[in-house]
Structure formats: C-alpha cells, structure tokens
Amino acid sequence: MTQFVLAGVLGVLFALGTFLVLRRDVVRVVWGVTIISQSANVYLVTMGGLSGSVPILGGHGGGHGAGVTDPLVQALVLTAIVIGFGTTAFALVLTYRVYEEHGTIDLLELGEKA
C-alpha cells in the first residue's frame, strides 16, 4: 500500500513540475525544474528501499543488517539536494538580473527583444 501512495505522490510532483515548466514566467519555470529535481530525489530514496526500524534502536546489531536501508542512496540524494539548492539560488539570481536588464520575466517578451 505504501508503494502506491509514494507512486501517486511522485506522479503528482512530476505533473506539477511539468505544468510549471510550461509556463511563460521565468520564476515558475525555475520552480518547476526544482520540483522535478526534488521529485527525482524522492524517487531515488523510494527505490533505495524503506525500512521499518531505525538501525540504532533495533537491538544493537542483533539482526545483522535486517531491515536497514542502504546509506549510499541517502548520501547521494543529500548531495543532490545541496547542489539543487545552489543551482536554484543561482537561477533565481539570474532571473532577477534578467528582470533588471529587460524589465520583464515573460519568456515571450524576452524572445521578442532578442
């Protein structure tokens, strides 16, 4: 049952991100790309496996790794989150500079000015 809920949430996140990427406003496009990248991170964590217990509280290693989630996936996703935050901040600063230079962030108006 949990897998179906996660699949539904991932579908909604990807759909929302795609909807925002197709807008005319540059800020919405940036947020759409951010939502898609974060939903890809959720997908990776979901595919990495979910465990029902915390390894530290699971009896001090009595099960020899039973029910433990792979830490490599979590480390990669954490790195992707940090890099995604930096690139999102950079894209928003570039959007602000475009607004200062051209007075608009509408993609169609920017295309006509170029």
Protein backbone atom coordinates (compact mmCIF):
# COMPACT_ATOMS: atom_id res chain seq x y z
CA MET A 1 0.00 0.00 0.00
CA THR A 2 2.82 2.40 0.81
CA GLN A 3 4.32 1.91 -2.64
CA PHE A 4 1.08 3.02 -4.30
CA VAL A 5 0.91 6.17 -2.17
CA LEU A 6 4.52 7.03 -3.00
CA ALA A 7 3.90 6.37 -6.69
CA GLY A 8 0.89 8.70 -6.58
CA VAL A 9 2.84 11.43 -4.81
CA LEU A 10 5.68 11.12 -7.31
CA GLY A 11 3.23 11.34 -10.21
CA VAL A 12 1.65 14.48 -8.77
CA LEU A 13 5.06 16.08 -8.16
CA PHE A 14 6.27 15.33 -11.69
CA ALA A 15 2.97 16.61 -13.13
CA LEU A 16 3.17 19.84 -11.10
CA GLY A 17 6.78 20.38 -12.12
CA THR A 18 5.95 19.79 -15.78
CA PHE A 19 2.99 22.19 -15.53
CA LEU A 20 5.24 24.91 -14.09
CA VAL A 21 8.00 24.36 -16.66
CA LEU A 22 5.49 25.03 -19.44
CA ARG A 23 4.52 28.49 -18.07
CA ARG A 24 5.65 31.82 -19.55
CA ASP A 25 7.04 33.24 -16.29
CA VAL A 26 10.76 32.52 -15.77
CA VAL A 27 10.38 32.17 -11.98
CA ARG A 28 7.70 29.50 -12.43
CA VAL A 29 9.96 27.66 -14.87
CA VAL A 30 12.77 27.68 -12.28
CA TRP A 31 10.43 26.37 -9.60
CA GLY A 32 9.15 23.70 -11.99
CA VAL A 33 12.67 22.45 -12.62
CA THR A 34 13.31 22.47 -8.86
CA ILE A 35 10.17 20.45 -8.15
CA ILE A 36 11.07 17.91 -10.83
CA SER A 37 14.58 17.50 -9.42
CA GLN A 38 13.26 17.07 -5.88
CA SER A 39 10.72 14.52 -7.05
CA ALA A 40 13.56 12.64 -8.74
CA ASN A 41 15.30 12.63 -5.34
CA VAL A 42 12.17 11.23 -3.69
CA TYR A 43 12.07 8.57 -6.40
CA LEU A 44 15.69 7.59 -5.70
CA VAL A 45 15.07 7.31 -1.97
CA THR A 46 11.95 5.25 -2.63
CA MET A 47 13.83 2.87 -4.91
CA GLY A 48 16.65 2.65 -2.37
CA GLY A 49 14.27 0.91 -0.02
CA LEU A 50 12.36 1.81 3.09
CA SER A 51 12.97 0.04 6.37
CA GLY A 52 10.57 -0.32 9.24
CA SER A 53 13.04 0.30 12.04
CA VAL A 54 15.89 2.57 12.98
CA PRO A 55 19.19 0.65 12.97
CA ILE A 56 20.43 2.26 16.20
CA LEU A 57 17.31 1.24 18.14
CA GLY A 58 16.94 -2.17 16.53
CA GLY A 59 18.72 -4.17 19.21
CA HIS A 60 22.33 -3.04 18.69
CA GLY A 61 23.05 -5.08 15.58
CA GLY A 62 21.37 -8.30 16.68
CA GLY A 63 19.71 -8.76 13.30
CA HIS A 64 22.95 -8.26 11.35
CA GLY A 65 21.58 -5.66 8.97
CA ALA A 66 17.99 -6.87 8.79
CA GLY A 67 15.69 -4.00 7.83
CA VAL A 68 18.49 -1.46 7.26
CA THR A 69 18.27 0.97 4.37
CA ASP A 70 21.23 1.39 2.02
CA PRO A 71 23.08 4.56 3.15
CA LEU A 72 24.69 5.18 -0.25
CA VAL A 73 21.37 6.23 -1.81
CA GLN A 74 20.70 8.61 1.06
CA ALA A 75 24.16 10.16 0.77
CA LEU A 76 23.75 10.69 -2.97
CA VAL A 77 20.32 12.25 -2.55
CA LEU A 78 21.60 14.54 0.21
CA THR A 79 24.37 15.70 -2.13
CA ALA A 80 21.81 16.22 -4.92
CA ILE A 81 19.63 18.31 -2.58
CA VAL A 82 22.54 20.61 -1.70
CA ILE A 83 23.60 21.01 -5.33
CA GLY A 84 19.97 21.59 -6.36
CA PHE A 85 19.60 24.31 -3.74
CA GLY A 86 22.70 26.07 -5.05
CA THR A 87 21.62 25.89 -8.69
CA THR A 88 18.11 27.09 -7.81
CA ALA A 89 19.52 30.09 -5.96
CA PHE A 90 21.81 30.83 -8.93
CA ALA A 91 18.91 30.55 -11.40
CA LEU A 92 16.78 32.92 -9.31
CA VAL A 93 19.62 35.46 -9.16
CA LEU A 94 19.98 35.22 -12.95
CA THR A 95 16.22 35.72 -13.27
CA TYR A 96 16.49 38.86 -11.15
CA ARG A 97 19.29 40.16 -13.37
CA VAL A 98 17.19 39.49 -16.47
CA TYR A 99 14.35 41.47 -14.87
CA GLU A 100 16.72 44.36 -14.10
CA GLU A 101 18.06 44.41 -17.66
CA HIS A 102 14.84 43.90 -19.62
CA GLY A 103 12.06 44.92 -17.22
CA THR A 104 10.16 41.64 -17.70
CA ILE A 105 10.44 37.95 -16.97
CA ASP A 106 7.90 36.85 -19.54
CA LEU A 107 9.56 34.38 -21.89
CA LEU A 108 7.64 35.53 -24.99
CA GLU A 109 8.52 39.18 -24.42
CA LEU A 110 12.17 38.26 -23.81
CA GLY A 111 12.18 36.28 -27.06
CA GLU A 112 10.86 39.29 -28.99
CA LYS A 113 13.55 41.58 -27.54
CA ALA A 114 16.39 39.27 -28.52
